[in-house]
Every structure is written in C-alpha cells, then in structure tokens.
Amino acid sequence: MVTIQDIAKHAGVSAATVSRVINNSGYASTAARAAVEKAVVDLNYVPNRQAQNLRRGATRNLGIITSSLNDTVLARIEPFMQFAHEADYTTTLFNTNHEPKREIEALDRLKGQELDGIFIIYRVNEWTVIEPYLRFGPIVTLHNVDDEKVDIPSVFVDHYDGYRLILDDLWLNGARSFINIFGSETGINTKRRIQAYYDFCKKHNLTPHAIEPYLNVHDPKNIQRIITLLDNMEEKPDAIIAHSDQVASFFVSHYHRLGVRMPEDVAVVGFDNLIISHLMNFTSVDYSIEEQGRNACRLLLNHLENQQYEQVPLNFKLVKRGTTK
C-alpha cells in the first residue's frame, strides 16, 4: 500500500507538505503542489479514508435501518441520502428483514464508531433495547416514540388527521359505505387510522365494518384475497381506502379490467401520493414523505454539525384525481 511517505519521497518534499496538499489544508507552493499531485498519479495513491476518519473522530457516514423495503420506504431513503450527500456524508442502508439480531448488528456499527448517526425507519426491537445506543451517537426515527423514558427524536406525523381528510371528503361527496384496507396491525399508523374511522362512524351514526379481515394487507396474495372478498359481496361499498398507493393500484387496475366505473360505481383512495398515483390517476393523500427523509437527516446533522437545520413542517393534503368525486 502506498503511503504518504512514499509520495513525499517520490515528489521530493516532506510528508507534512504531502499531507497539506492531499487534505487541502495549509500552505504549499505551486511547485510542491504540482510535484505531489504528479506523485499521487504516478504511484496510484488512494487515501485511507478510514484512517482519516479515525483521526477526525468521525466517519461522516450515516446509517439507515429498515425492517423491509417498499415504495414508501424508498421514497424516504432517497431524499435522506441526497441531503446527506450534499452535507458531505455517505450513507449505509441496513435491511433487517424483520430480524431483531440484524437490527442489533446495525446498531453495533454506531457503537463501533463505524457510523456517526442512524435513521430508523421501521424498527424490530423494543425502545429499551435501542435507547442505550444513544450514548454512542444520535439516532432519529420515523416511529412515534411512545415511551416517555426514551428520548429519541422523531419525524412522526399523526395519520389520524390524514385519514379523516379522506373520510370527510368521501362523505361530502355522497359515500356512506367504506372498506378500509390496513397495513401492519401493530403499527401506530394503522392504529391511528382505525381510530379515525371509528370516530368518523360515531359522528355520522354509521356501523363500522369488520376490521380484522382487512389487516396486514401488503403482498399480492393478501391483496388478491381482499379483491376476491369484495367481488363476492352482495352489497358493494361506496369507497375503498387503501393504506398505501401500492395497494390502491391493485384495486384501480382490477376495476379497470372489469369495467367498473370509478368514482361512479366505487371510489378508490390511496395514501402517500407517490408517482404511481399520478400515473394511474387515482386520489391519494400527500404528507411530504420525501421531506420526512430530509427532516430526519436534518435532525442528525443538528447533532453532528455546528450548523442548525430547520425542520420543514409536514401537512396532509388530499390530492384528488379520477377515482373520487
């Protein structure tokens, strides 16, 4: 491996001069700089970034932990990475595949000073397991941290408000029978959406439909099960609300193939306002999930840098397209 001493000998200058040129710090004459730059090329020198980071006491690398990868996760990861890159940080993605051990291995990278900070999108372990790692560096999360003893900053937004936007608009436009398709039954977003639905039904004296058959709907097999269930209903719903645009797209595509008119026969609404909702022209809720990723990076950098980044407020907006009135 080529060292700074090798570069200095080849260029005929001191090691200190080589260091100043390579790190662009301190004075070096034009001739010395040219000699060092030529030696770097001649010897094919590659700086040891890990050693440099150890000397600085920072890796300038941020970790991203998620238990799975889907469209909404990726929509947050990309802006996070871009914001980190603009601040001269690299990023490392850890997909735990819902395995607690893998999440611990990723957190151990923070403990081992291989990461400066971590953004947890979807966690597996309990907060009491994650919280002790704060002593090794900043951690931010997408979750609602519901443990008062755990001080982990979050970019969480309450999906209750977004779900009520959908329900209230559908009601104003004549819908009276709703089928809600939910994600993970243990997720706080699912719980808040269910609460919004129950409160809505109470307000309008409606009997809520059963929740259990429509929980944990993610993969195509489960989505097809729900489609078959709805197709076999004698009394069809006025509206279908899916927990994500990806899930909503299956229903929109299915009804197009059957010739079911949207919104005349049934309204369909997604959640996230990803590009697929625009391309397939269905209504969705926007809550700036890309900005969630940037806000998470801002929170980490506020711990790591002298500069303070302001959080961008996140608001729900119903983006109406061809599948609702």
Protein backbone atom coordinates (compact mmCIF):
# COMPACT_ATOMS: atom_id res chain seq x y z
CA MET A 1 0.00 0.00 0.00
CA VAL A 2 1.33 3.42 -0.99
CA THR A 3 1.86 5.73 1.98
CA ILE A 4 2.31 9.48 2.42
CA GLN A 5 5.99 8.81 2.98
CA ASP A 6 6.21 7.11 -0.43
CA ILE A 7 4.53 10.14 -2.04
CA ALA A 8 6.93 12.50 -0.24
CA LYS A 9 9.98 10.55 -1.40
CA HIS A 10 8.75 10.39 -5.00
CA ALA A 11 7.87 14.11 -5.06
CA GLY A 12 11.00 15.23 -3.23
CA VAL A 13 9.07 17.05 -0.49
CA SER A 14 8.29 16.49 3.17
CA ALA A 15 5.47 14.27 4.44
CA ALA A 16 3.91 17.37 6.03
CA THR A 17 3.75 19.03 2.62
CA VAL A 18 2.10 15.95 1.13
CA SER A 19 -0.47 16.00 3.92
CA ARG A 20 -1.26 19.67 3.33
CA VAL A 21 -1.76 19.09 -0.39
CA ILE A 22 -3.85 15.94 -0.07
CA ASN A 23 -6.06 17.41 2.65
CA ASN A 24 -6.10 20.86 1.02
CA SER A 25 -5.11 22.45 4.33
CA GLY A 26 -2.25 24.85 4.92
CA TYR A 27 0.22 26.40 2.51
CA ALA A 28 2.11 24.57 -0.22
CA SER A 29 3.99 26.23 -3.07
CA THR A 30 2.75 25.82 -6.61
CA ALA A 31 5.78 23.69 -7.49
CA ALA A 32 5.40 21.47 -4.43
CA ARG A 33 1.69 21.04 -5.06
CA ALA A 34 2.32 20.04 -8.68
CA ALA A 35 5.01 17.54 -7.61
CA VAL A 36 2.74 15.93 -5.04
CA GLU A 37 -0.19 15.72 -7.45
CA LYS A 38 2.08 14.08 -10.07
CA ALA A 39 3.37 11.59 -7.48
CA VAL A 40 -0.17 10.71 -6.48
CA VAL A 41 -0.96 9.82 -10.10
CA ASP A 42 2.37 8.03 -10.72
CA LEU A 43 2.01 5.83 -7.64
CA ASN A 44 -1.75 5.38 -7.95
CA TYR A 45 -2.22 6.59 -4.38
CA VAL A 46 -5.66 6.18 -2.77
CA PRO A 47 -6.23 7.95 0.59
CA ASN A 48 -7.13 5.71 3.52
CA ARG A 49 -10.45 7.30 4.41
CA GLN A 50 -10.97 5.03 7.39
CA ALA A 51 -7.70 6.16 8.96
CA GLN A 52 -8.56 9.78 8.22
CA ASN A 53 -11.95 9.38 9.84
CA LEU A 54 -10.42 7.79 12.93
CA ARG A 55 -8.07 10.75 13.29
CA ARG A 56 -11.01 13.14 12.95
CA GLY A 57 -13.10 11.07 15.36
CA ALA A 58 -15.94 10.85 12.81
CA THR A 59 -16.84 8.58 9.90
CA ARG A 60 -19.06 11.01 8.01
CA ASN A 61 -21.26 8.01 7.36
CA LEU A 62 -24.93 7.80 8.39
CA GLY A 63 -26.83 4.55 8.79
CA ILE A 64 -30.41 3.86 7.67
CA ILE A 65 -32.23 0.95 9.31
CA THR A 66 -35.49 -0.52 8.00
CA SER A 67 -37.21 -3.85 8.55
CA SER A 68 -38.36 -4.01 4.92
CA LEU A 69 -38.12 -2.22 1.60
CA ASN A 70 -41.18 -0.90 -0.21
CA ASP A 71 -42.11 2.14 -2.24
CA THR A 72 -42.81 4.36 0.76
CA VAL A 73 -39.54 3.37 2.45
CA LEU A 74 -37.57 4.08 -0.71
CA ALA A 75 -39.35 7.43 -1.09
CA ARG A 76 -37.85 8.45 2.27
CA ILE A 77 -34.42 6.91 1.77
CA GLU A 78 -33.55 8.69 -1.48
CA PRO A 79 -34.04 12.28 -0.18
CA PHE A 80 -32.26 11.34 3.06
CA MET A 81 -29.26 10.10 1.09
CA GLN A 82 -29.28 13.15 -1.16
CA PHE A 83 -29.38 15.56 1.77
CA ALA A 84 -26.58 13.65 3.48
CA HIS A 85 -24.52 13.71 0.28
CA GLU A 86 -24.91 17.47 -0.01
CA ALA A 87 -23.59 17.76 3.55
CA ASP A 88 -20.57 15.60 2.56
CA TYR A 89 -21.77 12.41 4.28
CA THR A 90 -22.04 8.90 2.90
CA THR A 91 -24.87 6.53 3.86
CA THR A 92 -25.19 2.82 4.58
CA LEU A 93 -28.54 1.01 4.31
CA PHE A 94 -29.40 -1.91 6.60
CA ASN A 95 -32.48 -4.01 5.74
CA THR A 96 -33.11 -6.21 8.78
CA ASN A 97 -35.88 -8.25 7.14
CA HIS A 98 -37.75 -8.11 10.49
CA GLU A 99 -34.90 -9.90 12.32
CA PRO A 100 -34.01 -8.32 15.70
CA LYS A 101 -30.45 -9.68 15.55
CA ARG A 102 -29.77 -7.87 12.29
CA GLU A 103 -31.00 -4.62 13.78
CA ILE A 104 -28.63 -5.05 16.74
CA GLU A 105 -25.77 -5.71 14.32
CA ALA A 106 -26.55 -2.43 12.57
CA LEU A 107 -26.76 -0.54 15.87
CA ASP A 108 -23.42 -2.06 16.87
CA ARG A 109 -21.90 -0.22 13.91
CA LEU A 110 -22.73 3.01 15.77
CA LYS A 111 -21.20 1.61 18.93
CA GLY A 112 -18.09 0.60 17.00
CA GLN A 113 -17.72 4.14 15.54
CA GLU A 114 -18.38 2.92 12.01
CA LEU A 115 -21.36 5.28 11.81
CA ASP A 116 -21.87 8.83 13.08
CA GLY A 117 -25.66 8.51 13.42
CA ILE A 118 -28.65 6.36 12.47
CA PHE A 119 -32.10 6.92 10.97
CA ILE A 120 -34.53 4.14 11.94
CA ILE A 121 -37.42 3.91 9.50
CA TYR A 122 -39.03 0.66 10.71
CA ARG A 123 -37.70 -0.94 13.89
CA VAL A 124 -37.91 -4.51 15.20
CA ASN A 125 -36.53 -4.31 18.74
CA GLU A 126 -38.13 -2.57 21.70
CA TRP A 127 -37.15 1.00 22.51
CA THR A 128 -35.49 -0.21 25.72
CA VAL A 129 -33.06 -2.19 23.54
CA ILE A 130 -32.39 0.70 21.15
CA GLU A 131 -32.19 3.58 23.65
CA PRO A 132 -28.79 2.63 25.22
CA TYR A 133 -27.10 3.15 21.84
CA LEU A 134 -27.75 6.89 22.11
CA ARG A 135 -24.57 7.17 24.17
CA PHE A 136 -22.60 6.31 21.03
CA GLY A 137 -24.23 8.78 18.65
CA PRO A 138 -27.52 10.38 17.58
CA ILE A 139 -30.50 8.28 16.49
CA VAL A 140 -33.68 9.60 14.88
CA THR A 141 -36.73 7.64 13.86
CA LEU A 142 -39.88 7.65 11.78
CA HIS A 143 -41.80 6.00 14.63
CA ASN A 144 -43.96 7.58 17.24
CA VAL A 145 -41.79 7.09 20.33
CA ASP A 146 -44.46 6.24 22.89
CA ASP A 147 -42.09 5.59 25.78
CA GLU A 148 -41.55 8.67 27.95
CA LYS A 149 -38.25 7.26 29.20
CA VAL A 150 -36.82 7.15 25.67
CA ASP A 151 -35.54 10.41 24.23
CA ILE A 152 -35.21 9.62 20.52
CA PRO A 153 -36.17 12.45 18.14
CA SER A 154 -38.83 11.55 15.58
CA VAL A 155 -40.23 12.88 12.30
CA PHE A 156 -43.51 11.10 13.00
CA VAL A 157 -46.75 12.61 11.69
CA ASP A 158 -50.15 11.55 13.07
CA HIS A 159 -52.06 9.66 10.36
CA TYR A 160 -55.34 10.26 12.18
CA ASP A 161 -55.59 13.69 10.54
CA GLY A 162 -54.79 12.41 7.07
CA TYR A 163 -57.33 9.63 7.32
CA ARG A 164 -60.06 11.98 8.44
CA LEU A 165 -59.33 14.11 5.37
CA ILE A 166 -60.22 11.13 3.18
CA LEU A 167 -63.32 10.10 5.10
CA ASP A 168 -64.72 13.62 5.38
CA ASP A 169 -64.26 14.29 1.67
CA LEU A 170 -65.88 10.99 0.67
CA TRP A 171 -68.81 11.71 2.97
CA LEU A 172 -69.32 15.18 1.48
CA ASN A 173 -69.45 13.58 -1.95
CA GLY A 174 -72.09 11.02 -1.08
CA ALA A 175 -70.19 7.91 0.10
CA ARG A 176 -71.80 6.08 3.01
CA SER A 177 -70.24 2.61 2.93
CA PHE A 178 -66.46 2.35 3.36
CA ILE A 179 -63.96 -0.51 3.23
CA ASN A 180 -60.63 0.31 4.88
CA ILE A 181 -57.58 -1.75 3.95
CA PHE A 182 -54.87 -1.53 6.59
CA GLY A 183 -51.20 -2.36 6.97
CA SER A 184 -49.48 -3.87 9.99
CA GLU A 185 -51.92 -4.34 12.86
CA THR A 186 -49.21 -3.44 15.39
CA GLY A 187 -48.18 -0.23 13.62
CA ILE A 188 -49.08 3.11 15.18
CA ASN A 189 -50.22 4.45 11.79
CA THR A 190 -52.70 1.60 11.44
CA LYS A 191 -54.00 2.14 14.97
CA ARG A 192 -54.47 5.86 14.39
CA ARG A 193 -56.26 5.28 11.07
CA ILE A 194 -58.60 2.77 12.72
CA GLN A 195 -59.33 5.26 15.47
CA ALA A 196 -60.09 7.93 12.88
CA TYR A 197 -62.52 5.55 11.18
CA TYR A 198 -64.29 4.65 14.43
CA ASP A 199 -64.61 8.31 15.42
CA PHE A 200 -65.94 9.13 11.96
CA CYS A 201 -68.56 6.36 12.18
CA LYS A 202 -69.62 7.54 15.62
CA LYS A 203 -70.02 11.11 14.37
CA HIS A 204 -72.24 10.01 11.47
CA ASN A 205 -74.08 7.16 13.26
CA LEU A 206 -72.59 4.52 10.96
CA THR A 207 -71.95 0.89 11.86
CA PRO A 208 -68.22 0.23 11.29
CA HIS A 209 -67.37 -2.69 9.07
CA ALA A 210 -65.22 -5.51 10.45
CA ILE A 211 -61.56 -4.56 10.75
CA GLU A 212 -59.83 -7.94 11.15
CA PRO A 213 -60.23 -9.27 7.58
CA TYR A 214 -58.54 -6.15 6.22
CA LEU A 215 -55.43 -6.04 8.44
CA ASN A 216 -51.83 -6.84 7.42
CA VAL A 217 -52.52 -6.42 3.72
CA HIS A 218 -49.18 -5.96 1.95
CA ASP A 219 -48.24 -8.67 -0.54
CA PRO A 220 -50.08 -9.51 -3.78
CA LYS A 221 -51.54 -12.72 -2.31
CA ASN A 222 -53.27 -10.85 0.52
CA ILE A 223 -54.37 -8.08 -1.81
CA GLN A 224 -55.95 -10.63 -4.15
CA ARG A 225 -57.72 -12.18 -1.17
CA ILE A 226 -59.33 -8.81 -0.41
CA ILE A 227 -60.22 -8.24 -4.06
CA THR A 228 -61.99 -11.63 -4.16
CA LEU A 229 -63.75 -10.83 -0.89
CA LEU A 230 -65.08 -7.54 -2.25
CA ASP A 231 -66.06 -9.02 -5.61
CA ASN A 232 -68.22 -11.58 -3.81
CA MET A 233 -70.03 -9.03 -1.63
CA GLU A 234 -73.72 -8.67 -2.39
CA GLU A 235 -73.74 -5.06 -1.19
CA LYS A 236 -70.73 -3.32 -2.65
CA PRO A 237 -69.01 -0.48 -0.78
CA ASP A 238 -69.15 3.11 -1.98
CA ALA A 239 -65.45 3.63 -1.33
CA ILE A 240 -62.24 1.69 -0.77
CA ILE A 241 -59.42 3.33 1.18
CA ALA A 242 -56.03 1.63 0.93
CA HIS A 243 -53.18 2.21 3.35
CA SER A 244 -50.70 2.84 0.53
CA ASP A 245 -50.62 3.78 -3.13
CA GLN A 246 -49.08 0.43 -3.99
CA VAL A 247 -52.08 -1.42 -2.53
CA ALA A 248 -54.56 1.04 -4.06
CA SER A 249 -53.04 0.48 -7.51
CA PHE A 250 -54.12 -3.19 -7.46
CA PHE A 251 -57.76 -2.21 -6.96
CA VAL A 252 -57.66 0.52 -9.59
CA SER A 253 -56.13 -1.88 -12.11
CA HIS A 254 -58.64 -4.63 -11.22
CA TYR A 255 -61.65 -2.36 -11.62
CA HIS A 256 -60.36 -1.00 -14.91
CA ARG A 257 -60.15 -4.57 -16.25
CA LEU A 258 -63.70 -5.34 -15.07
CA GLY A 259 -65.09 -2.12 -16.49
CA VAL A 260 -66.14 -0.89 -13.04
CA ARG A 261 -66.55 2.88 -13.17
CA MET A 262 -64.57 4.98 -10.74
CA PRO A 263 -65.84 7.00 -8.96
CA GLU A 264 -69.42 6.39 -10.16
CA ASP A 265 -69.57 2.75 -9.00
CA VAL A 266 -66.86 2.89 -6.35
CA ALA A 267 -64.32 5.44 -5.18
CA VAL A 268 -60.71 4.36 -4.55
CA VAL A 269 -58.20 6.31 -2.46
CA GLY A 270 -54.54 5.61 -1.75
CA PHE A 271 -52.05 7.06 0.69
CA ASP A 272 -48.55 8.56 0.10
CA ASN A 273 -49.09 10.38 -3.23
CA LEU A 274 -46.29 8.52 -4.97
CA ILE A 275 -45.70 8.71 -8.71
CA ILE A 276 -47.90 5.63 -9.30
CA SER A 277 -50.99 7.52 -8.08
CA HIS A 278 -50.28 10.22 -10.65
CA LEU A 279 -49.61 7.75 -13.48
CA MET A 280 -52.76 5.71 -12.72
CA ASN A 281 -54.82 8.82 -11.96
CA PHE A 282 -56.17 7.85 -8.54
CA THR A 283 -56.75 10.03 -5.49
CA SER A 284 -54.16 9.91 -2.71
CA VAL A 285 -53.06 11.70 0.45
CA ASP A 286 -49.83 13.66 0.32
CA TYR A 287 -47.92 14.23 3.54
CA SER A 288 -44.46 15.00 2.16
CA ILE A 289 -42.85 11.65 2.85
CA GLU A 290 -39.78 12.82 0.92
CA GLU A 291 -39.48 15.74 3.32
CA GLN A 292 -39.71 13.26 6.20
CA GLY A 293 -36.46 11.77 4.93
CA ARG A 294 -34.82 15.19 4.70
CA ASN A 295 -36.09 16.17 8.15
CA ALA A 296 -34.57 13.00 9.60
CA CYS A 297 -31.22 13.90 8.06
CA ARG A 298 -31.54 17.47 9.36
CA LEU A 299 -32.09 16.16 12.89
CA LEU A 300 -28.97 14.00 12.72
CA LEU A 301 -26.85 16.80 11.29
CA ASN A 302 -28.05 19.15 14.03
CA HIS A 303 -26.34 16.80 16.48
CA LEU A 304 -23.22 16.37 14.39
CA GLU A 305 -22.59 19.81 12.85
CA ASN A 306 -22.31 23.36 14.10
CA GLN A 307 -24.89 24.45 11.55
CA GLN A 308 -28.52 24.13 12.62
CA TYR A 309 -31.02 22.91 10.03
CA GLU A 310 -34.65 23.91 10.49
CA GLN A 311 -37.34 21.24 10.24
CA VAL A 312 -39.79 21.66 7.37
CA PRO A 313 -43.43 21.45 8.58
CA LEU A 314 -45.34 18.45 7.23
CA ASN A 315 -49.03 18.76 6.39
CA PHE A 316 -51.64 16.41 4.96
CA LYS A 317 -53.19 17.25 1.61
CA LEU A 318 -55.82 15.28 -0.29
CA VAL A 319 -54.77 15.16 -3.94
CA LYS A 320 -57.95 14.41 -5.85
CA ARG A 321 -57.81 12.63 -9.17
CA GLY A 322 -60.09 10.48 -11.30
CA THR A 323 -61.17 7.86 -8.74
CA THR A 324 -63.14 10.18 -6.43
CA LYS A 325 -65.79 12.81 -6.98
